[in-house]
N, C-alpha and C. Protein backbone atom coordinates (compact mmCIF):
# COMPACT_ATOMS: atom_id res chain seq x y z
N MET A 1 4.37 40.72 -0.04
CA MET A 1 3.26 41.74 0.17
C MET A 1 2.98 42.01 1.73
N PHE A 2 3.21 43.30 2.25
CA PHE A 2 2.74 43.44 3.46
C PHE A 2 1.31 44.06 3.56
N ASP A 3 0.54 43.78 4.61
CA ASP A 3 -0.95 44.24 4.94
C ASP A 3 -0.94 45.67 5.33
N VAL A 4 0.11 45.98 6.26
CA VAL A 4 0.52 47.32 6.51
C VAL A 4 2.01 47.54 7.07
N LEU A 5 2.54 48.62 6.41
CA LEU A 5 3.97 49.06 6.91
C LEU A 5 3.92 50.17 7.61
N ILE A 6 4.40 50.44 8.98
CA ILE A 6 4.51 51.47 9.86
C ILE A 6 5.71 52.01 9.51
N ILE A 7 5.99 53.48 9.24
CA ILE A 7 7.03 54.22 8.97
C ILE A 7 7.47 55.05 10.39
N GLY A 8 8.38 54.50 11.11
CA GLY A 8 8.50 55.29 12.43
C GLY A 8 8.97 54.58 13.59
N GLY A 9 9.89 54.40 14.50
CA GLY A 9 9.81 53.71 15.51
C GLY A 9 9.56 54.63 16.75
N GLY A 10 8.80 55.64 16.77
CA GLY A 10 8.66 56.47 17.86
C GLY A 10 7.55 56.17 18.69
N VAL A 11 6.93 56.88 19.43
CA VAL A 11 5.73 56.78 20.40
C VAL A 11 4.52 56.29 19.54
N SER A 12 4.19 57.11 18.50
CA SER A 12 2.96 56.75 17.57
C SER A 12 3.11 55.42 16.86
N GLY A 13 4.27 55.13 16.07
CA GLY A 13 4.57 54.03 15.33
C GLY A 13 4.34 52.60 16.14
N ILE A 14 5.19 53.04 17.24
CA ILE A 14 5.17 51.59 18.19
C ILE A 14 3.91 51.48 18.93
N SER A 15 3.16 52.34 19.18
CA SER A 15 1.87 52.11 19.80
C SER A 15 0.94 51.62 18.76
N CYS A 16 1.20 51.91 17.64
CA CYS A 16 0.29 51.42 16.53
C CYS A 16 0.58 49.79 16.18
N ALA A 17 1.82 49.57 16.19
CA ALA A 17 2.26 48.29 16.25
C ALA A 17 1.81 47.47 17.19
N LEU A 18 1.91 47.76 18.50
CA LEU A 18 1.54 47.03 19.75
C LEU A 18 0.02 46.72 19.67
N VAL A 19 -0.82 47.46 19.28
CA VAL A 19 -2.24 47.19 19.24
C VAL A 19 -2.46 46.29 18.06
N LEU A 20 -1.77 46.58 16.78
CA LEU A 20 -2.15 45.53 15.77
C LEU A 20 -1.70 44.14 16.08
N GLY A 21 -0.47 44.07 16.85
CA GLY A 21 0.25 42.97 17.30
C GLY A 21 -0.80 42.25 18.17
N SER A 22 -1.37 42.92 19.07
CA SER A 22 -2.10 41.95 20.27
C SER A 22 -3.29 41.57 19.47
N ALA A 23 -3.87 41.84 18.39
CA ALA A 23 -4.79 41.36 17.60
C ALA A 23 -4.60 39.98 17.07
N LYS A 24 -3.37 39.41 17.16
CA LYS A 24 -3.03 38.34 16.32
C LYS A 24 -4.00 37.15 16.49
N ASN A 25 -4.72 36.86 17.58
CA ASN A 25 -5.58 35.78 17.81
C ASN A 25 -6.84 35.91 17.17
N LYS A 26 -7.23 37.21 16.85
CA LYS A 26 -8.52 37.48 16.08
C LYS A 26 -8.45 37.07 14.78
N ALA A 27 -9.67 36.34 14.33
CA ALA A 27 -9.51 35.53 12.86
C ALA A 27 -9.20 36.62 11.78
N PHE A 28 -9.63 37.68 11.80
CA PHE A 28 -9.51 38.57 10.69
C PHE A 28 -8.25 39.38 10.74
N ALA A 29 -7.35 39.04 11.75
CA ALA A 29 -5.92 39.75 11.77
C ALA A 29 -4.93 38.57 11.82
N SER A 30 -5.44 37.44 11.98
CA SER A 30 -4.17 36.14 12.33
C SER A 30 -3.38 35.92 11.26
N ASN A 31 -3.64 36.30 9.90
CA ASN A 31 -2.95 36.10 8.67
C ASN A 31 -2.30 37.42 8.10
N LYS A 32 -2.34 38.64 8.91
CA LYS A 32 -1.99 39.57 8.41
C LYS A 32 -0.44 40.05 8.41
N LYS A 33 0.21 40.45 7.57
CA LYS A 33 1.58 40.61 7.65
C LYS A 33 1.70 42.19 8.00
N ILE A 34 2.69 42.15 9.17
CA ILE A 34 2.82 43.83 9.62
C ILE A 34 4.09 44.02 9.75
N GLY A 35 4.58 45.26 9.47
CA GLY A 35 6.01 45.47 9.29
C GLY A 35 6.12 46.92 9.79
N ILE A 36 7.47 47.15 10.37
CA ILE A 36 7.57 48.57 10.93
C ILE A 36 9.06 48.97 10.91
N PHE A 37 9.43 49.92 10.18
CA PHE A 37 10.66 50.78 10.25
C PHE A 37 11.02 51.20 11.50
N THR A 38 12.15 50.67 12.03
CA THR A 38 11.99 51.13 13.55
C THR A 38 13.33 52.26 13.62
N HIS A 39 13.52 53.14 12.49
CA HIS A 39 14.38 54.03 12.63
C HIS A 39 14.08 55.08 13.74
N GLN A 40 14.90 55.39 14.59
CA GLN A 40 14.56 56.38 15.74
C GLN A 40 15.70 57.47 16.26
N LYS A 41 16.36 57.62 15.04
CA LYS A 41 17.57 58.66 15.23
C LYS A 41 16.96 59.93 15.39
N THR A 42 15.94 60.50 14.79
CA THR A 42 15.59 61.50 14.74
C THR A 42 14.21 61.97 15.68
N SER A 43 13.88 60.67 16.53
CA SER A 43 12.81 60.82 17.51
C SER A 43 12.77 61.86 18.54
N ALA A 44 11.73 62.56 18.80
CA ALA A 44 11.82 63.59 19.62
C ALA A 44 12.13 63.06 21.08
N LEU A 45 11.93 61.54 21.34
CA LEU A 45 12.27 61.16 22.62
C LEU A 45 13.80 61.19 22.84
N GLN A 46 14.74 61.24 21.98
CA GLN A 46 16.06 61.17 22.30
C GLN A 46 16.59 62.00 23.37
N GLU A 47 15.76 63.18 23.62
CA GLU A 47 16.32 64.19 24.56
C GLU A 47 15.11 64.39 25.54
N ALA A 48 14.12 63.47 25.53
CA ALA A 48 12.96 63.64 26.35
C ALA A 48 13.07 63.17 27.84
N LEU A 49 12.65 63.86 28.82
CA LEU A 49 12.56 63.36 30.38
C LEU A 49 11.23 63.46 30.45
N PHE A 50 10.50 62.44 31.26
CA PHE A 50 8.99 62.16 31.42
C PHE A 50 8.84 62.29 33.12
N ASN A 51 8.11 63.15 33.24
CA ASN A 51 7.59 63.30 34.79
C ASN A 51 6.11 63.48 34.71
N ASN A 52 5.42 63.49 33.69
CA ASN A 52 3.79 63.54 33.45
C ASN A 52 3.03 62.55 32.51
N ALA A 53 3.60 61.58 32.18
CA ALA A 53 3.05 60.67 31.30
C ALA A 53 2.51 59.39 31.79
N TYR A 54 1.17 59.09 31.63
CA TYR A 54 0.41 58.08 32.37
C TYR A 54 1.22 56.51 32.26
N GLY A 55 1.34 56.04 33.27
CA GLY A 55 1.71 54.80 33.17
C GLY A 55 3.56 54.69 33.13
N ILE A 56 4.07 55.66 32.92
CA ILE A 56 5.62 55.81 33.16
C ILE A 56 6.14 56.37 34.29
N PRO A 57 6.99 55.61 35.04
CA PRO A 57 7.62 56.41 36.39
C PRO A 57 8.33 57.65 36.09
N GLN A 58 8.37 58.50 36.98
CA GLN A 58 8.66 59.87 36.81
C GLN A 58 10.28 59.74 36.53
N GLY A 59 10.67 60.58 35.81
CA GLY A 59 12.22 60.61 35.68
C GLY A 59 12.66 59.68 34.49
N LYS A 60 11.74 59.11 33.84
CA LYS A 60 12.13 58.26 32.81
C LYS A 60 12.67 58.87 31.55
N LEU A 61 13.96 58.59 31.04
CA LEU A 61 14.37 58.94 29.94
C LEU A 61 13.65 58.67 28.47
N GLY A 62 13.57 59.45 27.88
CA GLY A 62 13.06 59.11 26.51
C GLY A 62 13.81 58.06 25.62
N SER A 63 15.13 58.15 25.78
CA SER A 63 16.06 57.62 24.95
C SER A 63 15.98 55.99 25.58
N ASP A 64 15.78 55.80 27.00
CA ASP A 64 15.67 54.47 27.36
C ASP A 64 14.23 53.98 26.86
N LEU A 65 13.47 54.48 26.92
CA LEU A 65 12.03 54.48 26.59
C LEU A 65 12.03 53.93 25.20
N LEU A 66 12.76 54.45 24.10
CA LEU A 66 12.76 54.16 22.93
C LEU A 66 13.44 52.52 22.81
N ILE A 67 14.42 52.47 23.68
CA ILE A 67 14.94 51.00 23.45
C ILE A 67 14.13 50.04 24.00
N GLU A 68 13.56 50.23 25.22
CA GLU A 68 12.63 49.29 25.84
C GLU A 68 11.38 48.96 25.07
N SER A 69 10.93 49.99 24.14
CA SER A 69 9.55 49.75 23.27
C SER A 69 9.98 48.87 22.18
N ILE A 70 11.00 49.10 21.68
CA ILE A 70 11.54 48.14 20.62
C ILE A 70 11.70 46.72 21.22
N GLU A 71 12.17 46.45 22.28
CA GLU A 71 12.62 45.29 22.81
C GLU A 71 11.11 44.64 23.36
N ASN A 72 10.09 45.47 23.68
CA ASN A 72 8.94 44.83 24.05
C ASN A 72 8.05 44.57 22.87
N LEU A 73 8.07 45.18 22.01
CA LEU A 73 7.58 44.71 20.70
C LEU A 73 8.11 43.47 20.28
N SER A 74 9.46 43.15 20.29
CA SER A 74 9.95 42.04 19.59
C SER A 74 9.59 41.06 20.48
N ASN A 75 9.70 41.13 21.88
CA ASN A 75 9.39 39.99 22.72
C ASN A 75 7.99 39.72 22.77
N SER A 76 6.85 40.83 22.73
CA SER A 76 5.45 40.42 23.05
C SER A 76 4.93 39.90 21.47
N TYR A 77 5.38 40.44 20.33
CA TYR A 77 4.86 40.15 19.03
C TYR A 77 5.93 39.97 18.04
N PRO A 78 6.62 38.81 18.34
CA PRO A 78 7.69 38.67 17.36
C PRO A 78 7.02 38.29 15.79
N HIS A 79 5.85 38.27 15.56
CA HIS A 79 5.34 37.99 14.30
C HIS A 79 5.42 39.35 13.29
N ILE A 80 5.56 40.62 14.10
CA ILE A 80 5.99 41.59 13.56
C ILE A 80 7.35 41.88 13.07
N THR A 81 7.10 42.07 11.67
CA THR A 81 8.59 42.27 11.25
C THR A 81 9.22 43.81 11.35
N GLN A 82 10.27 43.77 12.17
CA GLN A 82 10.89 44.96 12.22
C GLN A 82 12.06 45.07 11.46
N ILE A 83 12.07 46.62 10.74
CA ILE A 83 13.12 46.90 9.78
C ILE A 83 14.01 47.79 10.34
N PRO A 84 15.09 47.75 10.65
CA PRO A 84 15.83 48.81 11.46
C PRO A 84 16.65 49.41 10.37
N GLU A 85 17.33 50.46 10.75
CA GLU A 85 18.42 51.07 9.82
C GLU A 85 18.18 51.45 8.52
N GLU A 86 16.91 51.63 8.06
CA GLU A 86 16.52 51.98 6.78
C GLU A 86 15.67 53.00 6.88
N LYS A 87 15.80 54.10 5.97
CA LYS A 87 15.17 55.49 5.72
C LYS A 87 14.25 55.39 4.58
N VAL A 88 13.08 55.61 4.73
CA VAL A 88 12.13 55.69 3.68
C VAL A 88 12.32 56.84 3.04
N ILE A 89 12.35 56.80 1.56
CA ILE A 89 12.56 57.99 0.79
C ILE A 89 11.61 58.19 -0.30
N LYS A 90 10.87 57.17 -0.56
CA LYS A 90 9.90 57.44 -1.79
C LYS A 90 8.94 56.41 -1.42
N ILE A 91 7.68 56.89 -1.57
CA ILE A 91 6.27 56.01 -1.91
C ILE A 91 5.66 56.15 -3.30
N LYS A 92 5.16 54.94 -3.83
CA LYS A 92 4.66 54.95 -5.15
C LYS A 92 3.67 54.22 -5.17
N GLY A 93 2.54 54.43 -5.99
CA GLY A 93 1.44 53.51 -6.25
C GLY A 93 0.17 53.89 -5.72
N GLN A 94 -0.66 53.21 -5.78
CA GLN A 94 -1.95 53.73 -5.21
C GLN A 94 -2.66 52.66 -4.55
N TYR A 95 -3.76 52.80 -3.55
CA TYR A 95 -4.43 51.81 -2.85
C TYR A 95 -5.10 50.83 -3.80
N PRO A 96 -5.01 49.31 -3.64
CA PRO A 96 -4.34 48.84 -2.44
C PRO A 96 -3.01 48.41 -2.58
N GLU A 97 -2.18 48.78 -3.47
CA GLU A 97 -0.68 48.25 -3.90
C GLU A 97 0.30 49.61 -3.80
N TYR A 98 0.99 49.48 -2.77
CA TYR A 98 2.04 50.84 -2.73
C TYR A 98 3.25 49.97 -2.62
N THR A 99 4.21 50.81 -3.18
CA THR A 99 5.68 50.36 -2.95
C THR A 99 6.39 51.57 -2.15
N VAL A 100 7.20 51.16 -1.18
CA VAL A 100 7.93 51.90 -0.05
C VAL A 100 9.10 51.75 -0.43
N ILE A 101 9.91 52.65 -0.85
CA ILE A 101 11.36 52.57 -1.24
C ILE A 101 12.29 53.23 -0.09
N THR A 102 13.21 52.43 0.33
CA THR A 102 13.95 53.03 1.32
C THR A 102 15.62 53.29 0.66
N ASN A 103 16.45 53.60 1.49
CA ASN A 103 17.98 53.89 1.06
C ASN A 103 18.55 52.44 0.73
N LYS A 104 17.71 51.34 1.04
CA LYS A 104 18.56 50.02 0.97
C LYS A 104 17.65 48.91 0.17
N ASN A 105 16.36 49.01 0.14
CA ASN A 105 15.42 48.28 -0.52
C ASN A 105 14.12 48.65 -0.84
N SER A 106 13.26 48.01 -1.29
CA SER A 106 11.82 48.15 -1.68
C SER A 106 10.76 47.32 -1.06
N TYR A 107 9.58 47.70 -0.81
CA TYR A 107 8.71 46.89 -0.08
C TYR A 107 7.32 47.05 -0.67
N GLN A 108 6.47 46.05 -0.80
CA GLN A 108 4.96 46.27 -1.29
C GLN A 108 4.03 46.14 0.02
N THR A 109 3.36 46.72 -0.15
CA THR A 109 2.17 46.92 1.15
C THR A 109 0.89 47.39 0.55
N HIS A 110 -0.12 46.97 1.37
CA HIS A 110 -1.46 47.44 0.97
C HIS A 110 -1.92 48.85 1.69
N ASN A 111 -1.29 48.93 2.92
CA ASN A 111 -1.40 50.08 3.63
C ASN A 111 -0.28 50.84 4.28
N ILE A 112 -0.13 52.03 4.54
CA ILE A 112 0.95 52.77 5.11
C ILE A 112 0.55 53.38 6.42
N VAL A 113 1.17 53.44 7.43
CA VAL A 113 1.10 54.40 8.56
C VAL A 113 2.41 55.39 8.78
N ILE A 114 2.25 56.50 8.73
CA ILE A 114 3.26 57.38 8.82
C ILE A 114 3.58 58.23 10.10
N GLY A 115 4.62 57.82 10.70
CA GLY A 115 4.71 58.59 12.14
C GLY A 115 6.17 58.91 12.55
N ILE A 116 6.57 59.81 11.61
CA ILE A 116 8.01 60.20 12.02
C ILE A 116 8.19 61.60 12.42
N GLY A 117 7.28 62.28 12.88
CA GLY A 117 7.48 63.54 13.41
C GLY A 117 7.13 64.75 12.53
N SER A 118 7.42 65.99 13.06
CA SER A 118 6.64 67.05 12.22
C SER A 118 7.81 68.06 11.94
N ALA A 119 8.98 67.44 11.83
CA ALA A 119 10.26 68.47 11.41
C ALA A 119 9.95 68.98 10.07
N ASN A 120 10.25 70.06 9.50
CA ASN A 120 10.16 70.56 8.26
C ASN A 120 10.98 69.98 7.11
N THR A 121 11.82 69.12 7.77
CA THR A 121 12.77 68.17 6.95
C THR A 121 12.17 67.17 6.21
N PHE A 122 11.09 66.94 6.56
CA PHE A 122 10.10 65.73 5.88
C PHE A 122 10.31 65.91 4.44
N ALA A 123 10.74 64.67 3.93
CA ALA A 123 11.13 64.80 2.39
C ALA A 123 10.78 63.41 1.69
N ILE A 124 9.55 62.82 2.01
CA ILE A 124 9.04 61.56 1.48
C ILE A 124 8.60 61.91 -0.03
N GLU A 125 9.26 61.33 -0.96
CA GLU A 125 8.50 61.53 -2.27
C GLU A 125 7.48 60.98 -2.15
N GLY A 126 6.65 61.25 -3.18
CA GLY A 126 5.07 60.93 -3.07
C GLY A 126 3.95 61.30 -1.96
N LEU A 127 4.59 61.97 -1.12
CA LEU A 127 3.72 62.48 0.00
C LEU A 127 3.73 64.07 0.20
N MET A 128 4.99 64.56 -0.57
CA MET A 128 5.00 66.14 -0.46
C MET A 128 3.59 66.91 -0.69
N GLN A 129 2.61 66.42 -1.55
CA GLN A 129 1.72 67.14 -1.78
C GLN A 129 0.73 67.25 -0.65
N PHE A 130 0.95 66.47 0.27
CA PHE A 130 -0.06 66.72 1.42
C PHE A 130 0.64 67.55 2.46
N VAL A 131 1.67 67.88 2.38
CA VAL A 131 2.35 68.69 3.54
C VAL A 131 1.78 70.16 3.49
N GLU A 132 1.62 70.49 4.78
CA GLU A 132 1.00 71.88 5.16
C GLU A 132 1.66 72.28 6.47
N PRO A 133 1.43 73.61 6.74
CA PRO A 133 1.98 74.05 8.29
C PRO A 133 1.15 73.42 9.31
N HIS A 134 1.91 73.13 10.37
CA HIS A 134 1.49 72.41 11.42
C HIS A 134 0.10 73.59 12.15
N LYS A 135 -0.90 72.97 12.46
CA LYS A 135 -1.85 73.84 12.85
C LYS A 135 -1.73 74.02 14.44
N LYS A 136 -0.91 73.01 15.39
CA LYS A 136 -1.02 73.26 16.57
C LYS A 136 0.19 73.42 17.14
N ALA A 137 1.31 73.89 16.33
CA ALA A 137 2.47 74.10 16.81
C ALA A 137 2.90 75.77 16.64
N LEU A 138 3.87 76.42 17.43
CA LEU A 138 4.32 77.83 17.26
C LEU A 138 4.67 78.15 15.57
N PRO A 139 4.22 79.08 15.14
CA PRO A 139 4.76 79.32 13.81
C PRO A 139 6.43 79.37 13.56
N GLU A 140 7.04 79.93 14.62
CA GLU A 140 8.51 79.95 14.57
C GLU A 140 8.91 78.66 14.64
N LYS A 141 8.40 77.52 14.82
CA LYS A 141 9.12 76.23 15.07
C LYS A 141 9.08 75.70 13.54
N GLN A 142 8.11 76.17 12.61
CA GLN A 142 8.15 75.70 11.53
C GLN A 142 8.11 74.43 11.19
N ARG A 143 7.08 73.76 12.05
CA ARG A 143 6.54 72.34 12.03
C ARG A 143 5.54 72.21 10.81
N ILE A 144 5.67 71.14 10.34
CA ILE A 144 4.48 70.57 9.40
C ILE A 144 3.71 69.42 9.78
N GLN A 145 2.74 69.17 9.04
CA GLN A 145 2.01 68.22 9.28
C GLN A 145 1.42 67.59 7.94
N LEU A 146 0.84 66.44 7.71
CA LEU A 146 0.22 65.92 6.45
C LEU A 146 -1.18 66.31 6.42
N LYS A 147 -1.84 66.67 5.46
CA LYS A 147 -3.41 66.92 5.32
C LYS A 147 -4.12 65.54 5.58
N ASN A 148 -4.89 65.59 6.50
CA ASN A 148 -5.48 64.24 6.75
C ASN A 148 -7.01 64.68 7.58
N ILE A 149 -7.84 63.66 7.25
CA ILE A 149 -9.27 63.71 7.88
C ILE A 149 -9.19 62.55 8.84
N ASP A 150 -9.25 62.67 10.30
CA ASP A 150 -9.09 61.60 11.13
C ASP A 150 -8.09 60.63 11.05
N HIS A 151 -6.94 61.26 10.75
CA HIS A 151 -5.63 60.36 10.65
C HIS A 151 -5.29 59.98 9.14
N LYS A 152 -6.62 59.85 8.33
CA LYS A 152 -6.42 59.18 7.06
C LYS A 152 -6.14 60.37 6.16
N VAL A 153 -4.97 60.13 5.48
CA VAL A 153 -4.38 60.93 4.44
C VAL A 153 -5.33 60.77 2.99
N THR A 154 -4.99 59.63 2.45
CA THR A 154 -5.73 59.31 1.48
C THR A 154 -5.91 57.54 1.47
N ASP A 155 -6.82 56.89 0.64
CA ASP A 155 -6.94 55.60 0.76
C ASP A 155 -5.63 54.77 0.93
N GLY A 156 -5.69 54.09 2.23
CA GLY A 156 -4.55 53.18 2.33
C GLY A 156 -3.31 53.95 3.09
N ILE A 157 -3.42 55.35 3.24
CA ILE A 157 -2.12 55.75 3.87
C ILE A 157 -2.83 56.73 4.96
N TYR A 158 -2.14 56.61 6.14
CA TYR A 158 -2.59 57.25 7.56
C TYR A 158 -1.41 57.85 8.09
N VAL A 159 -1.72 58.91 8.75
CA VAL A 159 -0.52 59.73 9.64
C VAL A 159 -1.13 59.57 11.13
N VAL A 160 0.18 59.58 11.80
CA VAL A 160 -0.18 59.43 13.22
C VAL A 160 0.87 60.49 14.03
N GLY A 161 0.57 60.84 15.26
CA GLY A 161 1.53 61.59 16.00
C GLY A 161 1.47 62.99 15.54
N THR A 162 2.64 63.82 15.77
CA THR A 162 2.66 65.19 15.59
C THR A 162 2.59 65.18 14.25
N LEU A 163 2.90 64.59 13.27
CA LEU A 163 2.83 64.65 11.80
C LEU A 163 1.28 64.54 11.40
N ALA A 164 0.28 64.12 12.31
CA ALA A 164 -1.10 64.24 11.87
C ALA A 164 -1.68 65.41 12.60
N GLY A 165 -0.61 66.37 13.19
CA GLY A 165 -1.48 67.84 13.58
C GLY A 165 -1.65 67.78 15.14
N TRP A 166 -1.20 66.54 15.73
CA TRP A 166 -1.36 66.54 17.25
C TRP A 166 -0.12 67.51 17.94
N ARG A 167 -0.48 67.73 19.22
CA ARG A 167 0.67 68.50 19.99
C ARG A 167 1.61 67.33 20.54
N SER A 168 2.79 67.84 20.69
CA SER A 168 3.77 67.07 21.06
C SER A 168 3.89 66.33 22.64
N GLN A 169 2.98 65.64 22.72
CA GLN A 169 2.78 64.93 24.36
C GLN A 169 2.61 63.45 24.13
N LEU A 170 3.56 62.79 24.82
CA LEU A 170 3.52 61.37 24.38
C LEU A 170 2.24 60.41 24.68
N ALA A 171 1.21 60.96 25.62
CA ALA A 171 0.06 60.39 25.53
C ALA A 171 -0.77 60.58 24.33
N ILE A 172 -0.47 61.86 23.80
CA ILE A 172 -1.47 61.97 22.60
C ILE A 172 -1.11 61.34 21.50
N ALA A 173 0.45 61.40 21.40
CA ALA A 173 1.06 60.38 20.24
C ALA A 173 0.50 59.02 20.56
N ALA A 174 0.72 58.57 21.52
CA ALA A 174 0.40 56.88 21.75
C ALA A 174 -0.97 56.49 21.37
N GLY A 175 -1.91 57.75 21.59
CA GLY A 175 -3.29 57.34 21.46
C GLY A 175 -3.46 57.69 19.96
N SER A 176 -2.97 58.51 19.22
CA SER A 176 -2.96 58.50 18.06
C SER A 176 -2.66 57.37 16.95
N GLY A 177 -1.45 56.65 17.62
CA GLY A 177 -1.16 55.42 17.08
C GLY A 177 -1.98 54.18 17.11
N ALA A 178 -2.55 54.29 18.37
CA ALA A 178 -3.56 53.15 19.00
C ALA A 178 -4.75 53.43 17.94
N ALA A 179 -5.40 54.45 17.79
CA ALA A 179 -6.47 55.02 16.93
C ALA A 179 -6.33 54.33 15.59
N VAL A 180 -5.13 54.56 14.99
CA VAL A 180 -5.20 54.32 13.67
C VAL A 180 -5.03 52.70 13.55
N ALA A 181 -4.28 52.07 14.47
CA ALA A 181 -4.54 50.56 14.67
C ALA A 181 -5.97 49.98 14.60
N THR A 182 -6.74 50.59 15.59
CA THR A 182 -8.07 50.24 15.58
C THR A 182 -8.90 50.39 14.24
N ASP A 183 -8.37 51.45 13.66
CA ASP A 183 -9.17 51.74 12.37
C ASP A 183 -8.69 50.55 11.31
N LEU A 184 -7.33 50.24 11.28
CA LEU A 184 -7.03 49.01 10.32
C LEU A 184 -7.57 47.86 10.75
N LEU A 185 -7.91 47.58 12.22
CA LEU A 185 -8.38 46.30 12.78
C LEU A 185 -9.91 46.37 12.10
N THR A 186 -10.50 47.48 11.95
CA THR A 186 -11.96 47.72 11.67
C THR A 186 -12.12 47.40 9.98
N LEU A 187 -10.73 47.97 9.38
CA LEU A 187 -11.00 47.75 8.04
C LEU A 187 -10.84 46.11 7.57
N TRP A 188 -9.77 45.59 8.42
CA TRP A 188 -9.68 43.84 8.15
C TRP A 188 -11.14 43.14 8.71
N ASN A 189 -11.44 43.74 9.57
CA ASN A 189 -12.87 43.21 10.27
C ASN A 189 -14.07 43.44 9.15
N GLU A 190 -13.89 43.64 7.98
CA GLU A 190 -14.91 43.99 6.84
C GLU A 190 -15.75 45.23 7.44
N GLY A 191 -15.20 46.27 8.10
CA GLY A 191 -15.87 47.21 8.32
C GLY A 191 -16.56 47.37 9.84
N THR A 192 -16.63 46.08 10.41
CA THR A 192 -17.19 46.09 11.79
C THR A 192 -16.48 46.57 12.87
N GLN A 193 -16.80 47.66 13.73
CA GLN A 193 -16.04 48.42 14.64
C GLN A 193 -15.32 47.31 15.60
N THR A 194 -14.08 47.44 15.79
CA THR A 194 -13.40 46.67 16.50
C THR A 194 -12.12 47.44 17.41
N HIS A 195 -11.49 46.79 18.31
CA HIS A 195 -10.63 47.12 19.04
C HIS A 195 -9.68 45.75 19.66
N SER A 196 -8.72 46.13 20.32
CA SER A 196 -7.98 44.77 20.88
C SER A 196 -7.37 45.19 22.23
N HIS A 197 -7.71 44.62 23.05
CA HIS A 197 -7.36 44.63 24.44
C HIS A 197 -7.44 43.30 25.39
N ASP A 198 -6.66 43.23 26.17
CA ASP A 198 -6.63 41.87 26.89
C ASP A 198 -7.35 42.15 28.43
N SER A 199 -7.88 40.98 29.10
CA SER A 199 -8.72 41.15 30.39
C SER A 199 -8.06 39.81 31.16
N ILE A 200 -8.05 40.15 32.62
CA ILE A 200 -7.79 39.16 33.44
C ILE A 200 -8.81 38.27 33.43
N ARG A 201 -10.09 38.45 33.09
CA ARG A 201 -11.11 37.46 32.92
C ARG A 201 -10.99 36.45 31.85
């Protein structure tokens, strides 16, 4: 049983995983089982070139950033289970026990974070009732989002990045993933507001 499974290895999903991973020494997070589906083939970063993203050198290719982010997550937080080359096709159950079914396996989890982009090809069974037109994309793009309030779709299910209704900017997607990570940390901390960052002091 996972405490959280993150669906999507792009900016928002990896950002969420990094913040959760960095909290490993906090008592309320030390025993949490975290997993991430790192499928990246449809990520918008595959064709991206960055010249305006905070902390990223000008001219950085999104395709390189995808590879480096997975390696960074693995090296920094090896306790997070990476699940590559599996596509999520169905979610069933209700909080606090969900089953995530892929094209190869099934997994049990208490919480789910979905960050797989806003293409209208979205087809995860069990979530289709939450699909609506994207409120911050051009209508002709036919983008979609999941209905949510402050990233929360329903109990135990969160959405991040463009699928949460945000615009397609790396900094926005990263912040969205980090925001949900701190929501989960707060949940695990029995509702006491919290976050996770390091200091040189």
